[in-house]
Amino acid sequence: MAGLTATAMEMIIFEVLENSKKFHNDEDPHIQLRIEPREETKIQLSFLDDGQTMTAEQIARAKIPYTQGEKWFIGEVPGMGLGIPLVTSLVWQAGGQVRIANRNDQRGVCVNLTLQTV
């Protein structure tokens, strides 16, 4: 991906997968990865899990550093609330976009990363 080092891409994937595990009731999520072309110079990576869904407020605040949406519902979870903000920052710096949404087909969340390829 243009503008993303291998280390940055590894951090992005780690953080997305770590959140899928952290917010799954059994900490054993089933994760699908979809890779689709977007326009001529972009691809979209979609990480779909089968964990908890998010409220509209949690989705809106997910990219804000030090925000842990779950602490208001089930108690604070381990971590500092920097995973998705880090992902967002790395992707934005490389000219991409991050979108988080609940899945339409089942319980869980979809994290979409639109990345430049050149």
Protein backbone atom coordinates (compact mmCIF):
# COMPACT_ATOMS: atom_id res chain seq x y z
CA MET A 1 0.00 0.00 0.00
CA ALA A 2 1.31 3.40 -0.94
CA GLY A 3 2.53 5.36 2.07
CA LEU A 4 2.25 2.45 4.52
CA THR A 5 5.35 0.63 5.67
CA ALA A 6 5.23 -3.08 6.43
CA THR A 7 5.54 -2.20 10.12
CA ALA A 8 2.58 0.20 9.94
CA MET A 9 0.46 -2.37 8.13
CA GLU A 10 1.37 -5.00 10.74
CA MET A 11 0.35 -2.61 13.55
CA ILE A 12 -2.95 -1.84 11.81
CA ILE A 13 -3.84 -5.50 11.35
CA PHE A 14 -2.76 -6.36 14.91
CA GLU A 15 -4.92 -3.61 16.44
CA VAL A 16 -8.01 -4.50 14.42
CA LEU A 17 -7.68 -8.21 15.24
CA GLU A 18 -6.89 -7.50 18.90
CA ASN A 19 -10.11 -5.46 19.22
CA SER A 20 -12.09 -8.27 17.61
CA LYS A 21 -10.74 -10.65 20.23
CA LYS A 22 -11.12 -8.21 23.15
CA PHE A 23 -14.76 -7.45 22.37
CA HIS A 24 -15.90 -11.01 21.69
CA ASN A 25 -17.75 -12.75 24.51
CA ASP A 26 -15.48 -15.81 24.37
CA GLU A 27 -12.38 -13.91 23.12
CA ASP A 28 -12.45 -16.32 20.17
CA PRO A 29 -13.92 -14.40 17.24
CA HIS A 30 -14.53 -15.68 13.75
CA ILE A 31 -13.03 -13.01 11.49
CA GLN A 32 -13.53 -12.63 7.76
CA LEU A 33 -11.15 -10.53 5.69
CA ARG A 34 -12.41 -9.19 2.39
CA ILE A 35 -10.20 -7.38 -0.09
CA GLU A 36 -11.95 -5.48 -2.87
CA PRO A 37 -10.79 -2.98 -5.50
CA ARG A 38 -12.07 0.60 -5.16
CA GLU A 39 -11.54 3.04 -7.99
CA GLU A 40 -8.30 2.70 -9.96
CA THR A 41 -5.80 3.32 -7.20
CA LYS A 42 -7.54 2.07 -4.04
CA ILE A 43 -8.46 -1.15 -2.31
CA GLN A 44 -10.74 -1.80 0.62
CA LEU A 45 -9.82 -4.21 3.39
CA SER A 46 -12.87 -5.24 5.41
CA PHE A 47 -12.47 -7.04 8.73
CA LEU A 48 -15.80 -8.58 9.78
CA ASP A 49 -16.10 -10.19 13.18
CA ASP A 50 -18.87 -11.95 15.10
CA GLY A 51 -18.39 -10.17 18.42
CA GLN A 52 -20.34 -7.44 20.13
CA THR A 53 -22.17 -4.77 18.19
CA MET A 54 -21.56 -1.13 19.00
CA THR A 55 -23.93 1.67 19.86
CA ALA A 56 -24.04 4.72 17.59
CA GLU A 57 -22.18 6.67 20.29
CA GLN A 58 -19.44 4.03 20.55
CA ILE A 59 -18.95 4.11 16.78
CA ALA A 60 -18.84 7.93 16.76
CA ARG A 61 -16.23 7.99 19.55
CA ALA A 62 -14.13 4.99 18.48
CA LYS A 63 -11.51 7.09 16.70
CA ILE A 64 -11.00 9.46 19.65
CA PRO A 65 -7.82 8.67 21.65
CA TYR A 66 -8.25 7.33 25.20
CA THR A 67 -11.93 6.55 24.61
CA GLN A 68 -13.19 3.19 25.81
CA GLY A 69 -16.84 2.85 24.93
CA GLU A 70 -17.23 -0.40 26.83
CA LYS A 71 -16.27 0.96 30.23
CA TRP A 72 -19.67 2.66 30.55
CA PHE A 73 -21.54 -0.60 29.84
CA ILE A 74 -19.63 -3.53 31.33
CA GLY A 75 -16.70 -1.94 33.14
CA GLU A 76 -13.35 -0.82 31.85
CA VAL A 77 -11.59 -3.29 29.59
CA PRO A 78 -7.80 -3.63 29.45
CA GLY A 79 -6.10 -1.09 27.23
CA MET A 80 -5.76 2.65 26.92
CA GLY A 81 -8.23 3.30 24.11
CA LEU A 82 -5.51 3.96 21.54
CA GLY A 83 -5.90 1.02 19.14
CA ILE A 84 -8.46 2.37 16.66
CA PRO A 85 -7.12 5.96 16.92
CA LEU A 86 -3.67 4.58 15.98
CA VAL A 87 -5.16 2.64 13.06
CA THR A 88 -7.04 5.75 11.94
CA SER A 89 -3.96 7.95 12.19
CA LEU A 90 -1.76 5.56 10.20
CA VAL A 91 -4.39 5.07 7.50
CA TRP A 92 -5.17 8.80 7.22
CA GLN A 93 -1.46 9.67 6.98
CA ALA A 94 -1.24 7.33 4.00
CA GLY A 95 -4.23 8.98 2.30
CA GLY A 96 -6.79 6.36 3.27
CA GLN A 97 -10.01 6.19 5.25
CA VAL A 98 -11.35 4.13 8.15
CA ARG A 99 -15.02 3.32 8.63
CA ILE A 100 -16.50 1.30 11.47
CA ALA A 101 -20.03 -0.07 11.38
CA ASN A 102 -22.13 -2.85 12.82
CA ARG A 103 -22.64 -5.79 10.51
CA ASN A 104 -25.98 -5.97 8.70
CA ASP A 105 -26.02 -9.74 8.31
CA GLN A 106 -25.28 -10.81 11.90
CA ARG A 107 -23.92 -9.72 15.26
CA GLY A 108 -20.50 -8.09 15.11
CA VAL A 109 -18.56 -5.19 13.67
CA CYS A 110 -17.00 -4.40 10.30
CA VAL A 111 -13.87 -2.27 10.10
CA ASN A 112 -13.31 -0.98 6.57
CA LEU A 113 -9.94 0.38 5.57
CA THR A 114 -9.76 2.11 2.19
CA LEU A 115 -6.11 2.34 1.15
CA GLN A 116 -4.17 3.87 -1.72
CA THR A 117 -2.35 1.30 -3.85
CA VAL A 118 -0.05 3.72 -5.71
